[in-house]
Amino acid sequence: MGFGEAIKTNFSKYATFNGRASRSEFWWWVLFINIVSAVLMVIENSTGLKVGASTTDFIVNGQVVPFVNTGFGVLSTIWALAVLLPTLAVAIRRLHDADHSGWWVLWGGLLSIICCVGAIILFIFYVTGSKPANRWGPPAGTA
């Protein structure tokens, strides 16, 4: 599956959590959302489209320490909310393709809060090759 086809597939399966997603479908999607996020952050930083930006000074041991709150980007926030469901959906379908439960997205996220173990486990599952027909159906792209 190519870059454009992966994007089209993931938007057409916006909130489809059942079925399977190939490695290429998942990783092209990850690349796409990160490229768009980076472009939006550049636009926000260059145009000042941020909310909540402020500066303040703290006095620590008699010295003035500046604190800058850069705020959050309006466009980036809208983008993140727009792609939240399709990103969760393709991650769960990718886990299904590697013959793992979609609940690993939750458990991996919780373990990542405590330490990086959850992120490592999820990464290993995401790069694992497709399994033959399993409880979630035939391999991605063959149905």
C-alpha atoms as a PDB file:
ATOM      1  CA  MET A   1       0.000   0.000   0.000  1.00  0.00           C
ATOM      2  CA  GLY A   2       1.342   3.406  -0.948  1.00  0.00           C
ATOM      3  CA  PHE A   3       1.287   6.753   0.835  1.00  0.00           C
ATOM      4  CA  GLY A   4      -1.846   8.173  -0.817  1.00  0.00           C
ATOM      5  CA  GLU A   5      -3.767   4.927  -0.620  1.00  0.00           C
ATOM      6  CA  ALA A   6      -2.996   4.598   3.107  1.00  0.00           C
ATOM      7  CA  ILE A   7      -4.285   8.117   3.794  1.00  0.00           C
ATOM      8  CA  LYS A   8      -7.424   7.509   1.741  1.00  0.00           C
ATOM      9  CA  THR A   9      -8.027   4.159   3.457  1.00  0.00           C
ATOM     10  CA  ASN A  10      -7.643   5.572   6.954  1.00  0.00           C
ATOM     11  CA  PHE A  11      -9.984   8.482   6.313  1.00  0.00           C
ATOM     12  CA  SER A  12     -12.539   6.112   4.759  1.00  0.00           C
ATOM     13  CA  LYS A  13     -12.249   3.856   7.833  1.00  0.00           C
ATOM     14  CA  TYR A  14     -12.412   6.895  10.135  1.00  0.00           C
ATOM     15  CA  ALA A  15     -13.684   5.028  13.197  1.00  0.00           C
ATOM     16  CA  THR A  16     -13.510   1.396  12.087  1.00  0.00           C
ATOM     17  CA  PHE A  17     -11.896  -0.540  14.907  1.00  0.00           C
ATOM     18  CA  ASN A  18     -12.517  -4.042  13.578  1.00  0.00           C
ATOM     19  CA  GLY A  19     -10.529  -5.721  10.848  1.00  0.00           C
ATOM     20  CA  ARG A  20      -6.846  -5.499  10.082  1.00  0.00           C
ATOM     21  CA  ALA A  21      -4.318  -2.916   8.835  1.00  0.00           C
ATOM     22  CA  SER A  22      -1.019  -3.746   7.160  1.00  0.00           C
ATOM     23  CA  ARG A  23       2.292  -2.359   8.355  1.00  0.00           C
ATOM     24  CA  SER A  24       2.503  -0.036   5.360  1.00  0.00           C
ATOM     25  CA  GLU A  25      -0.994   1.315   5.986  1.00  0.00           C
ATOM     26  CA  PHE A  26      -0.110   2.061   9.617  1.00  0.00           C
ATOM     27  CA  TRP A  27       3.352   3.562   9.053  1.00  0.00           C
ATOM     28  CA  TRP A  28       2.317   5.702   6.063  1.00  0.00           C
ATOM     29  CA  TRP A  29      -0.474   7.093   8.259  1.00  0.00           C
ATOM     30  CA  VAL A  30       1.973   7.836  11.080  1.00  0.00           C
ATOM     31  CA  LEU A  31       4.248   9.644   8.616  1.00  0.00           C
ATOM     32  CA  PHE A  32       1.325  11.635   7.192  1.00  0.00           C
ATOM     33  CA  ILE A  33      -0.006  12.872  10.544  1.00  0.00           C
ATOM     34  CA  ASN A  34       3.492  13.819  11.692  1.00  0.00           C
ATOM     35  CA  ILE A  35       4.268  15.757   8.495  1.00  0.00           C
ATOM     36  CA  VAL A  36       0.994  17.685   8.744  1.00  0.00           C
ATOM     37  CA  SER A  37       1.613  18.333  12.460  1.00  0.00           C
ATOM     38  CA  ALA A  38       5.100  19.687  11.765  1.00  0.00           C
ATOM     39  CA  VAL A  39       3.819  21.977   8.998  1.00  0.00           C
ATOM     40  CA  LEU A  40       1.045  23.279  11.256  1.00  0.00           C
ATOM     41  CA  MET A  41       3.507  23.964  14.074  1.00  0.00           C
ATOM     42  CA  VAL A  42       5.751  25.936  11.707  1.00  0.00           C
ATOM     43  CA  ILE A  43       2.746  27.971  10.555  1.00  0.00           C
ATOM     44  CA  GLU A  44       1.646  28.606  14.152  1.00  0.00           C
ATOM     45  CA  ASN A  45       5.117  29.600  15.311  1.00  0.00           C
ATOM     46  CA  SER A  46       5.677  31.948  12.386  1.00  0.00           C
ATOM     47  CA  THR A  47       2.244  33.600  12.533  1.00  0.00           C
ATOM     48  CA  GLY A  48       1.635  33.560  16.295  1.00  0.00           C
ATOM     49  CA  LEU A  49      -1.528  31.458  16.109  1.00  0.00           C
ATOM     50  CA  LYS A  50      -1.196  30.364  19.705  1.00  0.00           C
ATOM     51  CA  VAL A  51      -3.502  30.640  22.670  1.00  0.00           C
ATOM     52  CA  GLY A  52      -2.344  31.137  26.242  1.00  0.00           C
ATOM     53  CA  ALA A  53       1.175  32.367  25.501  1.00  0.00           C
ATOM     54  CA  SER A  54       2.652  34.335  28.376  1.00  0.00           C
ATOM     55  CA  THR A  55       5.860  35.225  30.128  1.00  0.00           C
ATOM     56  CA  THR A  56       6.572  35.759  33.780  1.00  0.00           C
ATOM     57  CA  ASP A  57       9.606  36.103  35.969  1.00  0.00           C
ATOM     58  CA  PHE A  58      10.345  34.101  39.089  1.00  0.00           C
ATOM     59  CA  ILE A  59      12.831  35.071  41.738  1.00  0.00           C
ATOM     60  CA  VAL A  60      14.929  32.079  42.802  1.00  0.00           C
ATOM     61  CA  ASN A  61      17.688  32.653  45.368  1.00  0.00           C
ATOM     62  CA  GLY A  62      17.665  36.354  44.607  1.00  0.00           C
ATOM     63  CA  GLN A  63      18.029  35.861  40.840  1.00  0.00           C
ATOM     64  CA  VAL A  64      15.352  36.584  38.263  1.00  0.00           C
ATOM     65  CA  VAL A  65      14.488  33.462  36.263  1.00  0.00           C
ATOM     66  CA  PRO A  66      12.290  34.049  33.214  1.00  0.00           C
ATOM     67  CA  PHE A  67       9.547  31.555  32.447  1.00  0.00           C
ATOM     68  CA  VAL A  68       8.006  31.492  28.980  1.00  0.00           C
ATOM     69  CA  ASN A  69       4.750  29.671  28.345  1.00  0.00           C
ATOM     70  CA  THR A  70       4.535  29.258  24.585  1.00  0.00           C
ATOM     71  CA  GLY A  71       0.852  28.330  24.766  1.00  0.00           C
ATOM     72  CA  PHE A  72      -0.759  25.818  22.452  1.00  0.00           C
ATOM     73  CA  GLY A  73      -1.396  26.008  18.753  1.00  0.00           C
ATOM     74  CA  VAL A  74      -4.948  26.392  17.548  1.00  0.00           C
ATOM     75  CA  LEU A  75      -4.375  24.607  14.231  1.00  0.00           C
ATOM     76  CA  SER A  76      -2.385  21.777  15.834  1.00  0.00           C
ATOM     77  CA  THR A  77      -5.103  21.214  18.411  1.00  0.00           C
ATOM     78  CA  ILE A  78      -7.828  21.068  15.766  1.00  0.00           C
ATOM     79  CA  TRP A  79      -5.687  18.676  13.681  1.00  0.00           C
ATOM     80  CA  ALA A  80      -4.970  16.425  16.680  1.00  0.00           C
ATOM     81  CA  LEU A  81      -8.674  16.173  17.491  1.00  0.00           C
ATOM     82  CA  ALA A  82      -9.554  15.515  13.830  1.00  0.00           C
ATOM     83  CA  VAL A  83      -7.145  12.580  13.500  1.00  0.00           C
ATOM     84  CA  LEU A  84      -7.574  11.109  16.996  1.00  0.00           C
ATOM     85  CA  LEU A  85     -10.200   8.507  16.052  1.00  0.00           C
ATOM     86  CA  PRO A  86      -8.619   7.355  12.779  1.00  0.00           C
ATOM     87  CA  THR A  87      -5.234   7.094  14.507  1.00  0.00           C
ATOM     88  CA  LEU A  88      -6.662   4.945  17.297  1.00  0.00           C
ATOM     89  CA  ALA A  89      -8.572   2.892  14.734  1.00  0.00           C
ATOM     90  CA  VAL A  90      -5.543   2.143  12.548  1.00  0.00           C
ATOM     91  CA  ALA A  91      -3.424   1.358  15.620  1.00  0.00           C
ATOM     92  CA  ILE A  92      -6.003  -1.161  16.816  1.00  0.00           C
ATOM     93  CA  ARG A  93      -6.381  -2.668  13.338  1.00  0.00           C
ATOM     94  CA  ARG A  94      -2.569  -2.929  13.130  1.00  0.00           C
ATOM     95  CA  LEU A  95      -2.508  -4.831  16.425  1.00  0.00           C
ATOM     96  CA  HIS A  96      -5.219  -7.131  15.070  1.00  0.00           C
ATOM     97  CA  ASP A  97      -3.088  -7.807  11.994  1.00  0.00           C
ATOM     98  CA  ALA A  98      -0.208  -8.886  14.252  1.00  0.00           C
ATOM     99  CA  ASP A  99      -2.716 -11.088  16.182  1.00  0.00           C
ATOM    100  CA  HIS A 100      -2.888  -8.957  19.338  1.00  0.00           C
ATOM    101  CA  SER A 101      -5.860  -7.453  21.119  1.00  0.00           C
ATOM    102  CA  GLY A 102      -6.656  -3.793  20.470  1.00  0.00           C
ATOM    103  CA  TRP A 103      -6.729  -3.290  24.237  1.00  0.00           C
ATOM    104  CA  TRP A 104      -2.926  -3.150  24.052  1.00  0.00           C
ATOM    105  CA  VAL A 105      -3.296   0.471  22.915  1.00  0.00           C
ATOM    106  CA  LEU A 106      -4.762   1.268  26.337  1.00  0.00           C
ATOM    107  CA  TRP A 107      -2.368  -0.919  28.331  1.00  0.00           C
ATOM    108  CA  GLY A 108       0.639   0.302  26.366  1.00  0.00           C
ATOM    109  CA  GLY A 109      -0.416   3.902  26.947  1.00  0.00           C
ATOM    110  CA  LEU A 110      -0.830   3.342  30.671  1.00  0.00           C
ATOM    111  CA  LEU A 111       2.521   1.565  30.917  1.00  0.00           C
ATOM    112  CA  SER A 112       4.137   4.438  29.010  1.00  0.00           C
ATOM    113  CA  ILE A 113       2.961   6.862  31.683  1.00  0.00           C
ATOM    114  CA  ILE A 114       4.773   4.838  34.333  1.00  0.00           C
ATOM    115  CA  CYS A 115       7.838   4.076  32.233  1.00  0.00           C
ATOM    116  CA  CYS A 116       8.736   3.617  28.572  1.00  0.00           C
ATOM    117  CA  VAL A 117       7.988  -0.127  28.622  1.00  0.00           C
ATOM    118  CA  GLY A 118       4.514   0.352  27.139  1.00  0.00           C
ATOM    119  CA  ALA A 119       5.811   2.338  24.185  1.00  0.00           C
ATOM    120  CA  ILE A 120       8.479  -0.294  23.520  1.00  0.00           C
ATOM    121  CA  ILE A 121       5.919  -3.119  23.632  1.00  0.00           C
ATOM    122  CA  LEU A 122       3.571  -1.271  21.267  1.00  0.00           C
ATOM    123  CA  PHE A 123       6.422  -0.460  18.879  1.00  0.00           C
ATOM    124  CA  ILE A 124       7.387  -4.136  18.738  1.00  0.00           C
ATOM    125  CA  PHE A 125       3.765  -5.103  18.059  1.00  0.00           C
ATOM    126  CA  TYR A 126       3.444  -2.429  15.336  1.00  0.00           C
ATOM    127  CA  VAL A 127       6.552  -3.611  13.467  1.00  0.00           C
ATOM    128  CA  THR A 128       5.634  -7.305  13.760  1.00  0.00           C
ATOM    129  CA  GLY A 129       4.700  -8.862  10.447  1.00  0.00           C
ATOM    130  CA  SER A 130       1.177  -9.834   9.463  1.00  0.00           C
ATOM    131  CA  LYS A 131      -0.134 -13.151  10.686  1.00  0.00           C
ATOM    132  CA  PRO A 132      -2.183 -15.539   8.548  1.00  0.00           C
ATOM    133  CA  ALA A 133      -5.936 -15.478   8.898  1.00  0.00           C
ATOM    134  CA  ASN A 134      -6.793 -15.039  12.557  1.00  0.00           C
ATOM    135  CA  ARG A 135      -9.791 -14.147  14.715  1.00  0.00           C
ATOM    136  CA  TRP A 136      -9.942 -10.679  13.077  1.00  0.00           C
ATOM    137  CA  GLY A 137     -10.160 -12.007   9.530  1.00  0.00           C
ATOM    138  CA  PRO A 138      -7.843 -12.602   6.591  1.00  0.00           C
ATOM    139  CA  PRO A 139      -4.620 -10.584   6.213  1.00  0.00           C
ATOM    140  CA  ALA A 140      -5.096  -6.907   5.363  1.00  0.00           C
ATOM    141  CA  GLY A 141      -5.625  -6.283   1.664  1.00  0.00           C
ATOM    142  CA  THR A 142      -6.800  -9.819   0.848  1.00  0.00           C
ATOM    143  CA  ALA A 143     -10.443  -9.581   1.867  1.00  0.00           C
END
